[in-house]
């Protein structure tokens, strides 16, 4: 080894190139870790309410907007219909919301909190 390859305490750490693919250098991983930590922080509070974090987000939209369409609810949460539909089914079974076809447009399903 040459002097350029060693530091005061032994071999030098490898130089990390710009645009590193190391996990800790990835913004997407930092956001993922932050989201998991936030969800974990909410978990004990939501367990008392019998809600999961995604169910809580659905209820937040309904508490804020009142009756809305499934399409608008999915848009507000940035989720697709296939993801929102099972959440709504479980919340309806728990008595927290109601779903019904719109009288004005039968293609549209309205969702509203029950309380």
PDB file of N, CA and C in Angstrom:
ATOM      1  N   UNK A   1       0.823  -1.183   0.000  1.00  0.00           N
ATOM      2  CA  UNK A   1       0.000   0.000   0.000  1.00  0.00           C
ATOM      3  C   UNK A   1       0.863   1.240   0.000  1.00  0.00           C
ATOM      4  N   UNK A   2       0.433   2.229  -0.698  1.00  0.00           N
ATOM      5  CA  UNK A   2       1.173   3.486  -0.704  1.00  0.00           C
ATOM      6  C   UNK A   2       0.601   4.399   0.361  1.00  0.00           C
ATOM      7  N   UNK A   3       1.300   5.477   0.676  1.00  0.00           N
ATOM      8  CA  UNK A   3       0.822   6.452   1.651  1.00  0.00           C
ATOM      9  C   UNK A   3      -0.510   7.068   1.233  1.00  0.00           C
ATOM     10  N   UNK A   4      -0.754   7.158  -0.078  1.00  0.00           N
ATOM     11  CA  UNK A   4      -2.004   7.756  -0.557  1.00  0.00           C
ATOM     12  C   UNK A   4      -3.202   6.864  -0.256  1.00  0.00           C
ATOM     13  N   UNK A   5      -2.983   5.550  -0.064  1.00  0.00           N
ATOM     14  CA  UNK A   5      -4.074   4.608   0.160  1.00  0.00           C
ATOM     15  C   UNK A   5      -4.364   4.401   1.639  1.00  0.00           C
ATOM     16  N   UNK A   6      -3.549   4.973   2.507  1.00  0.00           N
ATOM     17  CA  UNK A   6      -3.781   4.782   3.933  1.00  0.00           C
ATOM     18  C   UNK A   6      -4.000   6.117   4.610  1.00  0.00           C
ATOM     19  N   UNK A   7      -4.763   6.082   5.681  1.00  0.00           N
ATOM     20  CA  UNK A   7      -4.973   7.271   6.491  1.00  0.00           C
ATOM     21  C   UNK A   7      -4.224   7.110   7.782  1.00  0.00           C
ATOM     22  N   UNK A   8      -4.413   8.017   8.727  1.00  0.00           N
ATOM     23  CA  UNK A   8      -3.679   7.938   9.984  1.00  0.00           C
ATOM     24  C   UNK A   8      -3.979   6.675  10.778  1.00  0.00           C
ATOM     25  N   UNK A   9      -5.181   6.134  10.642  1.00  0.00           N
ATOM     26  CA  UNK A   9      -5.534   4.948  11.415  1.00  0.00           C
ATOM     27  C   UNK A   9      -5.544   3.684  10.593  1.00  0.00           C
ATOM     28  N   UNK A  10      -5.022   3.674   9.400  1.00  0.00           N
ATOM     29  CA  UNK A  10      -5.034   2.482   8.561  1.00  0.00           C
ATOM     30  C   UNK A  10      -5.553   2.817   7.186  1.00  0.00           C
ATOM     31  N   UNK A  11      -6.135   1.820   6.513  1.00  0.00           N
ATOM     32  CA  UNK A  11      -6.606   2.044   5.151  1.00  0.00           C
ATOM     33  C   UNK A  11      -7.704   3.107   5.113  1.00  0.00           C
ATOM     34  N   UNK A  12      -7.671   3.933   4.102  1.00  0.00           N
ATOM     35  CA  UNK A  12      -8.666   4.994   3.930  1.00  0.00           C
ATOM     36  C   UNK A  12      -9.996   4.392   3.488  1.00  0.00           C
ATOM     37  N   UNK A  13     -11.065   5.016   3.896  1.00  0.00           N
ATOM     38  CA  UNK A  13     -12.396   4.583   3.458  1.00  0.00           C
ATOM     39  C   UNK A  13     -12.512   4.829   1.964  1.00  0.00           C
ATOM     40  N   UNK A  14     -13.224   3.954   1.261  1.00  0.00           N
ATOM     41  CA  UNK A  14     -13.367   4.175  -0.174  1.00  0.00           C
ATOM     42  C   UNK A  14     -14.118   5.479  -0.435  1.00  0.00           C
ATOM     43  N   UNK A  15     -13.717   6.158  -1.467  1.00  0.00           N
ATOM     44  CA  UNK A  15     -14.357   7.421  -1.831  1.00  0.00           C
ATOM     45  C   UNK A  15     -15.734   7.122  -2.415  1.00  0.00           C
ATOM     46  N   UNK A  16     -16.741   7.863  -1.950  1.00  0.00           N
ATOM     47  CA  UNK A  16     -18.110   7.683  -2.447  1.00  0.00           C
ATOM     48  C   UNK A  16     -18.299   8.613  -3.633  1.00  0.00           C
ATOM     49  N   UNK A  17     -18.603   8.050  -4.800  1.00  0.00           N
ATOM     50  CA  UNK A  17     -18.763   8.898  -5.984  1.00  0.00           C
ATOM     51  C   UNK A  17     -20.048   9.725  -5.905  1.00  0.00           C
ATOM     52  N   UNK A  18     -20.055  10.839  -6.632  1.00  0.00           N
ATOM     53  CA  UNK A  18     -21.272  11.640  -6.743  1.00  0.00           C
ATOM     54  C   UNK A  18     -22.343  10.770  -7.378  1.00  0.00           C
ATOM     55  N   UNK A  19     -23.587  10.945  -6.943  1.00  0.00           N
ATOM     56  CA  UNK A  19     -24.663  10.110  -7.472  1.00  0.00           C
ATOM     57  C   UNK A  19     -24.598   8.705  -6.906  1.00  0.00           C
ATOM     58  N   UNK A  20     -24.161   8.597  -5.676  1.00  0.00           N
ATOM     59  CA  UNK A  20     -23.968   7.312  -5.016  1.00  0.00           C
ATOM     60  C   UNK A  20     -25.258   6.490  -4.992  1.00  0.00           C
ATOM     61  N   UNK A  21     -25.105   5.195  -5.103  1.00  0.00           N
ATOM     62  CA  UNK A  21     -26.243   4.283  -4.994  1.00  0.00           C
ATOM     63  C   UNK A  21     -26.314   3.644  -3.611  1.00  0.00           C
ATOM     64  N   UNK A  22     -25.548   4.173  -2.660  1.00  0.00           N
ATOM     65  CA  UNK A  22     -25.622   3.656  -1.297  1.00  0.00           C
ATOM     66  C   UNK A  22     -27.019   3.937  -0.734  1.00  0.00           C
ATOM     67  N   UNK A  23     -27.555   2.984  -0.008  1.00  0.00           N
ATOM     68  CA  UNK A  23     -28.903   3.094   0.534  1.00  0.00           C
ATOM     69  C   UNK A  23     -29.106   4.385   1.325  1.00  0.00           C
ATOM     70  N   UNK A  24     -28.175   4.702   2.198  1.00  0.00           N
ATOM     71  CA  UNK A  24     -28.323   5.895   3.032  1.00  0.00           C
ATOM     72  C   UNK A  24     -28.225   7.202   2.251  1.00  0.00           C
ATOM     73  N   UNK A  25     -27.794   7.132   1.007  1.00  0.00           N
ATOM     74  CA  UNK A  25     -27.716   8.328   0.171  1.00  0.00           C
ATOM     75  C   UNK A  25     -28.966   8.530  -0.686  1.00  0.00           C
ATOM     76  N   UNK A  26     -29.932   7.641  -0.562  1.00  0.00           N
ATOM     77  CA  UNK A  26     -31.122   7.689  -1.406  1.00  0.00           C
ATOM     78  C   UNK A  26     -32.250   8.459  -0.717  1.00  0.00           C
ATOM     79  N   UNK A  27     -32.740   9.500  -1.354  1.00  0.00           N
ATOM     80  CA  UNK A  27     -33.873  10.261  -0.830  1.00  0.00           C
ATOM     81  C   UNK A  27     -35.098   9.370  -0.680  1.00  0.00           C
ATOM     82  N   UNK A  28     -35.306   8.478  -1.632  1.00  0.00           N
ATOM     83  CA  UNK A  28     -36.482   7.597  -1.569  1.00  0.00           C
ATOM     84  C   UNK A  28     -36.448   6.741  -0.298  1.00  0.00           C
ATOM     85  N   UNK A  29     -35.262   6.296   0.117  1.00  0.00           N
ATOM     86  CA  UNK A  29     -35.172   5.496   1.334  1.00  0.00           C
ATOM     87  C   UNK A  29     -35.446   6.352   2.569  1.00  0.00           C
ATOM     88  N   UNK A  30     -34.938   7.564   2.579  1.00  0.00           N
ATOM     89  CA  UNK A  30     -35.198   8.464   3.712  1.00  0.00           C
ATOM     90  C   UNK A  30     -36.696   8.725   3.856  1.00  0.00           C
ATOM     91  N   UNK A  31     -37.376   8.947   2.739  1.00  0.00           N
ATOM     92  CA  UNK A  31     -38.824   9.174   2.781  1.00  0.00           C
ATOM     93  C   UNK A  31     -39.566   7.926   3.238  1.00  0.00           C
ATOM     94  N   UNK A  32     -39.143   6.770   2.761  1.00  0.00           N
ATOM     95  CA  UNK A  32     -39.743   5.498   3.162  1.00  0.00           C
ATOM     96  C   UNK A  32     -39.584   5.281   4.669  1.00  0.00           C
ATOM     97  N   UNK A  33     -38.382   5.512   5.175  1.00  0.00           N
ATOM     98  CA  UNK A  33     -38.121   5.329   6.606  1.00  0.00           C
ATOM     99  C   UNK A  33     -38.939   6.318   7.440  1.00  0.00           C
ATOM    100  N   UNK A  34     -39.046   7.559   6.974  1.00  0.00           N
ATOM    101  CA  UNK A  34     -39.837   8.571   7.692  1.00  0.00           C
ATOM    102  C   UNK A  34     -41.309   8.183   7.714  1.00  0.00           C
ATOM    103  N   UNK A  35     -41.816   7.693   6.590  1.00  0.00           N
ATOM    104  CA  UNK A  35     -43.227   7.277   6.515  1.00  0.00           C
ATOM    105  C   UNK A  35     -43.493   6.124   7.474  1.00  0.00           C
ATOM    106  N   UNK A  36     -42.588   5.159   7.533  1.00  0.00           N
ATOM    107  CA  UNK A  36     -42.763   4.027   8.458  1.00  0.00           C
ATOM    108  C   UNK A  36     -42.726   4.486   9.913  1.00  0.00           C
ATOM    109  N   UNK A  37     -41.840   5.423  10.226  1.00  0.00           N
ATOM    110  CA  UNK A  37     -41.752   5.940  11.594  1.00  0.00           C
ATOM    111  C   UNK A  37     -43.027   6.701  11.966  1.00  0.00           C
ATOM    112  N   UNK A  38     -43.548   7.471  11.040  1.00  0.00           N
ATOM    113  CA  UNK A  38     -44.784   8.218  11.295  1.00  0.00           C
ATOM    114  C   UNK A  38     -45.955   7.271  11.517  1.00  0.00           C
ATOM    115  N   UNK A  39     -46.067   6.269  10.672  1.00  0.00           N
ATOM    116  CA  UNK A  39     -47.140   5.285  10.821  1.00  0.00           C
ATOM    117  C   UNK A  39     -47.022   4.563  12.161  1.00  0.00           C
ATOM    118  N   UNK A  40     -45.812   4.214  12.554  1.00  0.00           N
ATOM    119  CA  UNK A  40     -45.599   3.544  13.837  1.00  0.00           C
ATOM    120  C   UNK A  40     -45.982   4.445  15.011  1.00  0.00           C
ATOM    121  N   UNK A  41     -45.726   5.744  14.878  1.00  0.00           N
ATOM    122  CA  UNK A  41     -46.090   6.684  15.947  1.00  0.00           C
ATOM    123  C   UNK A  41     -47.606   6.792  16.095  1.00  0.00           C
ATOM    124  N   UNK A  42     -48.324   6.708  14.985  1.00  0.00           N
ATOM    125  CA  UNK A  42     -49.790   6.791  15.019  1.00  0.00           C
ATOM    126  C   UNK A  42     -50.450   5.498  15.490  1.00  0.00           C
ATOM    127  N   UNK A  43     -49.779   4.369  15.297  1.00  0.00           N
ATOM    128  CA  UNK A  43     -50.388   3.063  15.546  1.00  0.00           C
ATOM    129  C   UNK A  43     -51.052   2.935  16.915  1.00  0.00           C
ATOM    130  N   UNK A  44     -50.386   3.268  18.023  1.00  0.00           N
ATOM    131  CA  UNK A  44     -51.048   3.080  19.325  1.00  0.00           C
ATOM    132  C   UNK A  44     -52.300   3.954  19.484  1.00  0.00           C
ATOM    133  N   UNK A  45     -52.261   5.156  18.949  1.00  0.00           N
ATOM    134  CA  UNK A  45     -53.422   6.045  19.041  1.00  0.00           C
ATOM    135  C   UNK A  45     -54.583   5.516  18.214  1.00  0.00           C
ATOM    136  N   UNK A  46     -54.285   5.012  17.038  1.00  0.00           N
ATOM    137  CA  UNK A  46     -55.321   4.520  16.143  1.00  0.00           C
ATOM    138  C   UNK A  46     -55.885   3.180  16.587  1.00  0.00           C
ATOM    139  N   UNK A  47     -55.068   2.365  17.263  1.00  0.00           N
ATOM    140  CA  UNK A  47     -55.566   1.084  17.777  1.00  0.00           C
ATOM    141  C   UNK A  47     -56.721   1.314  18.740  1.00  0.00           C
ATOM    142  N   UNK A  48     -56.635   2.378  19.545  1.00  0.00           N
ATOM    143  CA  UNK A  48     -57.721   2.707  20.476  1.00  0.00           C
ATOM    144  C   UNK A  48     -59.017   3.031  19.740  1.00  0.00           C
ATOM    145  N   UNK A  49     -58.885   3.543  18.515  1.00  0.00           N
ATOM    146  CA  UNK A  49     -60.051   3.884  17.697  1.00  0.00           C
ATOM    147  C   UNK A  49     -60.474   2.731  16.789  1.00  0.00           C
ATOM    148  N   UNK A  50     -59.666   1.681  16.739  1.00  0.00           N
ATOM    149  CA  UNK A  50     -59.961   0.549  15.870  1.00  0.00           C
ATOM    150  C   UNK A  50     -59.701   0.844  14.407  1.00  0.00           C
ATOM    151  N   UNK A  51     -58.761   1.750  14.139  1.00  0.00           N
ATOM    152  CA  UNK A  51     -58.459   2.143  12.762  1.00  0.00           C
ATOM    153  C   UNK A  51     -57.018   1.839  12.400  1.00  0.00           C
ATOM    154  N   UNK A  52     -56.811   1.529  11.138  1.00  0.00           N
ATOM    155  CA  UNK A  52     -55.458   1.479  10.599  1.00  0.00           C
ATOM    156  C   UNK A  52     -55.125   2.883  10.095  1.00  0.00           C
ATOM    157  N   UNK A  53     -53.863   3.132   9.790  1.00  0.00           N
ATOM    158  CA  UNK A  53     -53.477   4.454   9.296  1.00  0.00           C
ATOM    159  C   UNK A  53     -54.188   4.803   7.983  1.00  0.00           C
ATOM    160  N   UNK A  54     -54.253   3.886   7.000  1.00  0.00           N
ATOM    161  CA  UNK A  54     -54.992   4.226   5.776  1.00  0.00           C
ATOM    162  C   UNK A  54     -56.484   4.497   6.040  1.00  0.00           C
ATOM    163  N   UNK A  55     -57.091   3.746   6.942  1.00  0.00           N
ATOM    164  CA  UNK A  55     -58.493   4.001   7.297  1.00  0.00           C
ATOM    165  C   UNK A  55     -58.645   5.371   7.940  1.00  0.00           C
ATOM    166  N   UNK A  56     -57.700   5.742   8.773  1.00  0.00           N
ATOM    167  CA  UNK A  56     -57.703   7.063   9.404  1.00  0.00           C
ATOM    168  C   UNK A  56     -57.658   8.164   8.351  1.00  0.00           C
ATOM    169  N   UNK A  57     -56.826   7.985   7.328  1.00  0.00           N
ATOM    170  CA  UNK A  57     -56.743   8.990   6.265  1.00  0.00           C
ATOM    171  C   UNK A  57     -58.074   9.123   5.527  1.00  0.00           C
ATOM    172  N   UNK A  58     -58.741   8.000   5.274  1.00  0.00           N
ATOM    173  CA  UNK A  58     -60.076   8.046   4.653  1.00  0.00           C
ATOM    174  C   UNK A  58     -61.025   8.859   5.527  1.00  0.00           C
ATOM    175  N   UNK A  59     -61.022   8.574   6.815  1.00  0.00           N
ATOM    176  CA  UNK A  59     -61.930   9.283   7.724  1.00  0.00           C
ATOM    177  C   UNK A  59     -61.582  10.769   7.806  1.00  0.00           C
ATOM    178  N   UNK A  60     -60.297  11.115   7.756  1.00  0.00           N
ATOM    179  CA  UNK A  60     -59.914  12.532   7.761  1.00  0.00           C
ATOM    180  C   UNK A  60     -60.532  13.278   6.583  1.00  0.00           C
ATOM    181  N   UNK A  61     -60.477  12.661   5.402  1.00  0.00           N
ATOM    182  CA  UNK A  61     -61.071  13.301   4.217  1.00  0.00           C
ATOM    183  C   UNK A  61     -62.572  13.463   4.418  1.00  0.00           C
ATOM    184  N   UNK A  62     -63.226  12.433   4.927  1.00  0.00           N
ATOM    185  CA  UNK A  62     -64.678  12.511   5.120  1.00  0.00           C
ATOM    186  C   UNK A  62     -65.058  13.522   6.203  1.00  0.00           C
ATOM    187  N   UNK A  63     -64.290  13.607   7.273  1.00  0.00           N
ATOM    188  CA  UNK A  63     -64.577  14.592   8.317  1.00  0.00           C
ATOM    189  C   UNK A  63     -64.388  16.006   7.782  1.00  0.00           C
ATOM    190  N   UNK A  64     -63.413  16.166   6.901  1.00  0.00           N
ATOM    191  CA  UNK A  64     -63.138  17.483   6.325  1.00  0.00           C
ATOM    192  C   UNK A  64     -64.183  17.882   5.286  1.00  0.00           C
ATOM    193  N   UNK A  65     -64.542  16.958   4.402  1.00  0.00           N
ATOM    194  CA  UNK A  65     -65.393  17.284   3.256  1.00  0.00           C
ATOM    195  C   UNK A  65     -66.850  16.891   3.411  1.00  0.00           C
ATOM    196  N   UNK A  66     -67.136  15.982   4.336  1.00  0.00           N
ATOM    197  CA  UNK A  66     -68.492  15.447   4.401  1.00  0.00           C
ATOM    198  C   UNK A  66     -68.696  14.468   3.249  1.00  0.00           C
ATOM    199  N   UNK A  67     -69.934  14.348   2.813  1.00  0.00           N
ATOM    200  CA  UNK A  67     -70.240  13.410   1.738  1.00  0.00           C
ATOM    201  C   UNK A  67     -69.441  13.737   0.478  1.00  0.00           C
ATOM    202  N   UNK A  68     -68.857  12.708  -0.107  1.00  0.00           N
ATOM    203  CA  UNK A  68     -68.061  12.868  -1.314  1.00  0.00           C
ATOM    204  C   UNK A  68     -68.166  11.600  -2.143  1.00  0.00           C
ATOM    205  N   UNK A  69     -67.734  11.658  -3.368  1.00  0.00           N
ATOM    206  CA  UNK A  69     -67.742  10.464  -4.210  1.00  0.00           C
ATOM    207  C   UNK A  69     -66.500   9.632  -3.944  1.00  0.00           C
ATOM    208  N   UNK A  70     -66.608   8.351  -4.261  1.00  0.00           N
ATOM    209  CA  UNK A  70     -65.450   7.469  -4.130  1.00  0.00           C
ATOM    210  C   UNK A  70     -64.318   7.985  -5.020  1.00  0.00           C
ATOM    211  N   UNK A  71     -64.665   8.459  -6.208  1.00  0.00           N
ATOM    212  CA  UNK A  71     -63.648   8.976  -7.129  1.00  0.00           C
ATOM    213  C   UNK A  71     -62.900  10.156  -6.515  1.00  0.00           C
ATOM    214  N   UNK A  72     -63.639  11.113  -5.924  1.00  0.00           N
ATOM    215  CA  UNK A  72     -62.989  12.274  -5.305  1.00  0.00           C
ATOM    216  C   UNK A  72     -62.186  11.885  -4.071  1.00  0.00           C
ATOM    217  N   UNK A  73     -62.694  10.925  -3.312  1.00  0.00           N
ATOM    218  CA  UNK A  73     -61.973  10.439  -2.129  1.00  0.00           C
ATOM    219  C   UNK A  73     -60.650   9.800  -2.549  1.00  0.00           C
ATOM    220  N   UNK A  74     -60.697   8.947  -3.560  1.00  0.00           N
ATOM    221  CA  UNK A  74     -59.486   8.298  -4.059  1.00  0.00           C
ATOM    222  C   UNK A  74     -58.498   9.347  -4.573  1.00  0.00           C
ATOM    223  N   UNK A  75     -59.012  10.364  -5.258  1.00  0.00           N
ATOM    224  CA  UNK A  75     -58.144  11.430  -5.753  1.00  0.00           C
ATOM    225  C   UNK A  75     -57.482  12.198  -4.625  1.00  0.00           C
ATOM    226  N   UNK A  76     -58.242  12.496  -3.581  1.00  0.00           N
ATOM    227  CA  UNK A  76     -57.695  13.235  -2.440  1.00  0.00           C
ATOM    228  C   UNK A  76     -56.578  12.447  -1.762  1.00  0.00           C
ATOM    229  N   UNK A  77     -56.737  11.130  -1.718  1.00  0.00           N
ATOM    230  CA  UNK A  77     -55.738  10.273  -1.063  1.00  0.00           C
ATOM    231  C   UNK A  77     -54.646   9.806  -2.016  1.00  0.00           C
ATOM    232  N   UNK A  78     -54.798  10.128  -3.296  1.00  0.00           N
ATOM    233  CA  UNK A  78     -53.850   9.693  -4.334  1.00  0.00           C
ATOM    234  C   UNK A  78     -53.722   8.165  -4.365  1.00  0.00           C
ATOM    235  N   UNK A  79     -54.896   7.518  -4.283  1.00  0.00           N
ATOM    236  CA  UNK A  79     -54.977   6.065  -4.340  1.00  0.00           C
ATOM    237  C   UNK A  79     -55.903   5.662  -5.475  1.00  0.00           C
ATOM    238  N   UNK A  80     -55.748   4.438  -5.966  1.00  0.00           N
ATOM    239  CA  UNK A  80     -56.648   3.971  -7.004  1.00  0.00           C
ATOM    240  C   UNK A  80     -57.887   3.337  -6.375  1.00  0.00           C
ATOM    241  N   UNK A  81     -58.913   3.153  -7.199  1.00  0.00           N
ATOM    242  CA  UNK A  81     -60.186   2.625  -6.717  1.00  0.00           C
ATOM    243  C   UNK A  81     -60.008   1.257  -6.069  1.00  0.00           C
ATOM    244  N   UNK A  82     -59.149   0.423  -6.654  1.00  0.00           N
ATOM    245  CA  UNK A  82     -58.932  -0.915  -6.117  1.00  0.00           C
ATOM    246  C   UNK A  82     -58.333  -0.921  -4.721  1.00  0.00           C
ATOM    247  N   UNK A  83     -57.659   0.135  -4.343  1.00  0.00           N
ATOM    248  CA  UNK A  83     -57.094   0.256  -3.000  1.00  0.00           C
ATOM    249  C   UNK A  83     -58.115   0.852  -2.039  1.00  0.00           C
ATOM    250  N   UNK A  84     -58.887   1.831  -2.509  1.00  0.00           N
ATOM    251  CA  UNK A  84     -59.861   2.523  -1.656  1.00  0.00           C
ATOM    252  C   UNK A  84     -61.060   1.639  -1.342  1.00  0.00           C
ATOM    253  N   UNK A  85     -61.512   0.866  -2.303  1.00  0.00           N
ATOM    254  CA  UNK A  85     -62.722   0.075  -2.138  1.00  0.00           C
ATOM    255  C   UNK A  85     -62.689  -0.855  -0.919  1.00  0.00           C
ATOM    256  N   UNK A  86     -61.624  -1.659  -0.706  1.00  0.00           N
ATOM    257  CA  UNK A  86     -61.598  -2.513   0.496  1.00  0.00           C
ATOM    258  C   UNK A  86     -61.565  -1.703   1.798  1.00  0.00           C
ATOM    259  N   UNK A  87     -60.894  -0.549   1.777  1.00  0.00           N
ATOM    260  CA  UNK A  87     -60.881   0.307   2.972  1.00  0.00           C
ATOM    261  C   UNK A  87     -62.300   0.751   3.308  1.00  0.00           C
ATOM    262  N   UNK A  88     -63.033   1.176   2.292  1.00  0.00           N
ATOM    263  CA  UNK A  88     -64.405   1.636   2.499  1.00  0.00           C
ATOM    264  C   UNK A  88     -65.296   0.503   2.991  1.00  0.00           C
ATOM    265  N   UNK A  89     -65.107  -0.668   2.444  1.00  0.00           N
ATOM    266  CA  UNK A  89     -65.909  -1.830   2.854  1.00  0.00           C
ATOM    267  C   UNK A  89     -65.704  -2.128   4.337  1.00  0.00           C
ATOM    268  N   UNK A  90     -64.445  -2.107   4.790  1.00  0.00           N
ATOM    269  CA  UNK A  90     -64.169  -2.382   6.214  1.00  0.00           C
ATOM    270  C   UNK A  90     -64.722  -1.275   7.110  1.00  0.00           C
ATOM    271  N   UNK A  91     -64.582  -0.019   6.682  1.00  0.00           N
ATOM    272  CA  UNK A  91     -65.101   1.092   7.483  1.00  0.00           C
ATOM    273  C   UNK A  91     -66.624   1.081   7.533  1.00  0.00           C
ATOM    274  N   UNK A  92     -67.260   0.673   6.439  1.00  0.00           N
ATOM    275  CA  UNK A  92     -68.719   0.559   6.429  1.00  0.00           C
ATOM    276  C   UNK A  92     -69.167  -0.563   7.358  1.00  0.00           C
ATOM    277  N   UNK A  93     -68.458  -1.691   7.334  1.00  0.00           N
ATOM    278  CA  UNK A  93     -68.775  -2.814   8.228  1.00  0.00           C
ATOM    279  C   UNK A  93     -68.642  -2.417   9.688  1.00  0.00           C
ATOM    280  N   UNK A  94     -67.710  -1.515   9.966  1.00  0.00           N
ATOM    281  CA  UNK A  94     -67.501  -1.033  11.340  1.00  0.00           C
ATOM    282  C   UNK A  94     -68.506   0.047  11.718  1.00  0.00           C
ATOM    283  N   UNK A  95     -69.353   0.463  10.783  1.00  0.00           N
ATOM    284  CA  UNK A  95     -70.368   1.468  11.066  1.00  0.00           C
ATOM    285  C   UNK A  95     -69.862   2.903  11.054  1.00  0.00           C
ATOM    286  N   UNK A  96     -68.687   3.128  10.464  1.00  0.00           N
ATOM    287  CA  UNK A  96     -68.095   4.467  10.477  1.00  0.00           C
ATOM    288  C   UNK A  96     -68.463   5.311   9.258  1.00  0.00           C
ATOM    289  N   UNK A  97     -68.937   4.657   8.214  1.00  0.00           N
ATOM    290  CA  UNK A  97     -69.355   5.406   7.030  1.00  0.00           C
ATOM    291  C   UNK A  97     -70.471   4.651   6.324  1.00  0.00           C
ATOM    292  N   UNK A  98     -71.108   5.354   5.391  1.00  0.00           N
ATOM    293  CA  UNK A  98     -72.122   4.718   4.556  1.00  0.00           C
ATOM    294  C   UNK A  98     -71.786   4.996   3.097  1.00  0.00           C
ATOM    295  N   UNK A  99     -72.122   4.028   2.266  1.00  0.00           N
ATOM    296  CA  UNK A  99     -71.943   4.175   0.815  1.00  0.00           C
ATOM    297  C   UNK A  99     -73.298   3.983   0.159  1.00  0.00           C
ATOM    298  N   UNK A 100     -73.557   4.801  -0.858  1.00  0.00           N
ATOM    299  CA  UNK A 100     -74.790   4.628  -1.622  1.00  0.00           C
ATOM    300  C   UNK A 100     -74.612   5.230  -3.014  1.00  0.00           C
ATOM    301  N   UNK A 101     -75.348   4.685  -3.947  1.00  0.00           N
ATOM    302  CA  UNK A 101     -75.312   5.217  -5.316  1.00  0.00           C
ATOM    303  C   UNK A 101     -75.944   6.597  -5.344  1.00  0.00           C
ATOM    304  N   UNK A 102     -75.374   7.464  -6.144  1.00  0.00           N
ATOM    305  CA  UNK A 102     -75.915   8.804  -6.312  1.00  0.00           C
ATOM    306  C   UNK A 102     -77.239   8.730  -7.053  1.00  0.00           C
ATOM    307  N   UNK A 103     -78.229   9.466  -6.585  1.00  0.00           N
ATOM    308  CA  UNK A 103     -79.528   9.520  -7.266  1.00  0.00           C
ATOM    309  C   UNK A 103     -79.396  10.253  -8.598  1.00  0.00           C
ATOM    310  N   UNK A 104     -78.474  11.205  -8.686  1.00  0.00           N
ATOM    311  CA  UNK A 104     -78.282  11.984  -9.916  1.00  0.00           C
ATOM    312  C   UNK A 104     -77.471  11.236 -10.970  1.00  0.00           C
ATOM    313  N   UNK A 105     -76.529  10.394 -10.524  1.00  0.00           N
ATOM    314  CA  UNK A 105     -75.676   9.656 -11.462  1.00  0.00           C
ATOM    315  C   UNK A 105     -75.386   8.297 -10.852  1.00  0.00           C
ATOM    316  N   UNK A 106     -76.080   7.280 -11.330  1.00  0.00           N
ATOM    317  CA  UNK A 106     -75.951   5.947 -10.739  1.00  0.00           C
ATOM    318  C   UNK A 106     -74.571   5.325 -10.913  1.00  0.00           C
ATOM    319  N   UNK A 107     -73.735   5.905 -11.771  1.00  0.00           N
ATOM    320  CA  UNK A 107     -72.367   5.405 -11.913  1.00  0.00           C
ATOM    321  C   UNK A 107     -71.504   5.844 -10.736  1.00  0.00           C
ATOM    322  N   UNK A 108     -71.961   6.852 -10.022  1.00  0.00           N
ATOM    323  CA  UNK A 108     -71.195   7.442  -8.933  1.00  0.00           C
ATOM    324  C   UNK A 108     -71.661   6.909  -7.583  1.00  0.00           C
ATOM    325  N   UNK A 109     -70.684   6.558  -6.732  1.00  0.00           N
ATOM    326  CA  UNK A 109     -70.988   6.099  -5.371  1.00  0.00           C
ATOM    327  C   UNK A 109     -70.594   7.199  -4.401  1.00  0.00           C
ATOM    328  N   UNK A 110     -71.534   7.583  -3.535  1.00  0.00           N
ATOM    329  CA  UNK A 110     -71.304   8.596  -2.517  1.00  0.00           C
ATOM    330  C   UNK A 110     -70.889   7.921  -1.214  1.00  0.00           C
ATOM    331  N   UNK A 111     -69.984   8.569  -0.514  1.00  0.00           N
ATOM    332  CA  UNK A 111     -69.494   8.069   0.767  1.00  0.00           C
ATOM    333  C   UNK A 111     -69.647   9.195   1.772  1.00  0.00           C
ATOM    334  N   UNK A 112     -70.128   8.865   2.982  1.00  0.00           N
ATOM    335  CA  UNK A 112     -70.283   9.891   4.026  1.00  0.00           C
ATOM    336  C   UNK A 112     -70.002   9.253   5.387  1.00  0.00           C
ATOM    337  N   UNK A 113     -69.436  10.031   6.302  1.00  0.00           N
ATOM    338  CA  UNK A 113     -69.244   9.515   7.671  1.00  0.00           C
ATOM    339  C   UNK A 113     -70.609   9.364   8.336  1.00  0.00           C
ATOM    340  N   UNK A 114     -70.727   8.401   9.249  1.00  0.00           N
ATOM    341  CA  UNK A 114     -71.999   8.186   9.927  1.00  0.00           C
ATOM    342  C   UNK A 114     -72.159   9.055  11.168  1.00  0.00           C
ATOM    343  N   UNK A 115     -71.075   9.576  11.668  1.00  0.00           N
ATOM    344  CA  UNK A 115     -71.211  10.358  12.891  1.00  0.00           C
ATOM    345  C   UNK A 115     -70.399  11.608  12.903  1.00  0.00           C
TER     346      UNK A 115
END
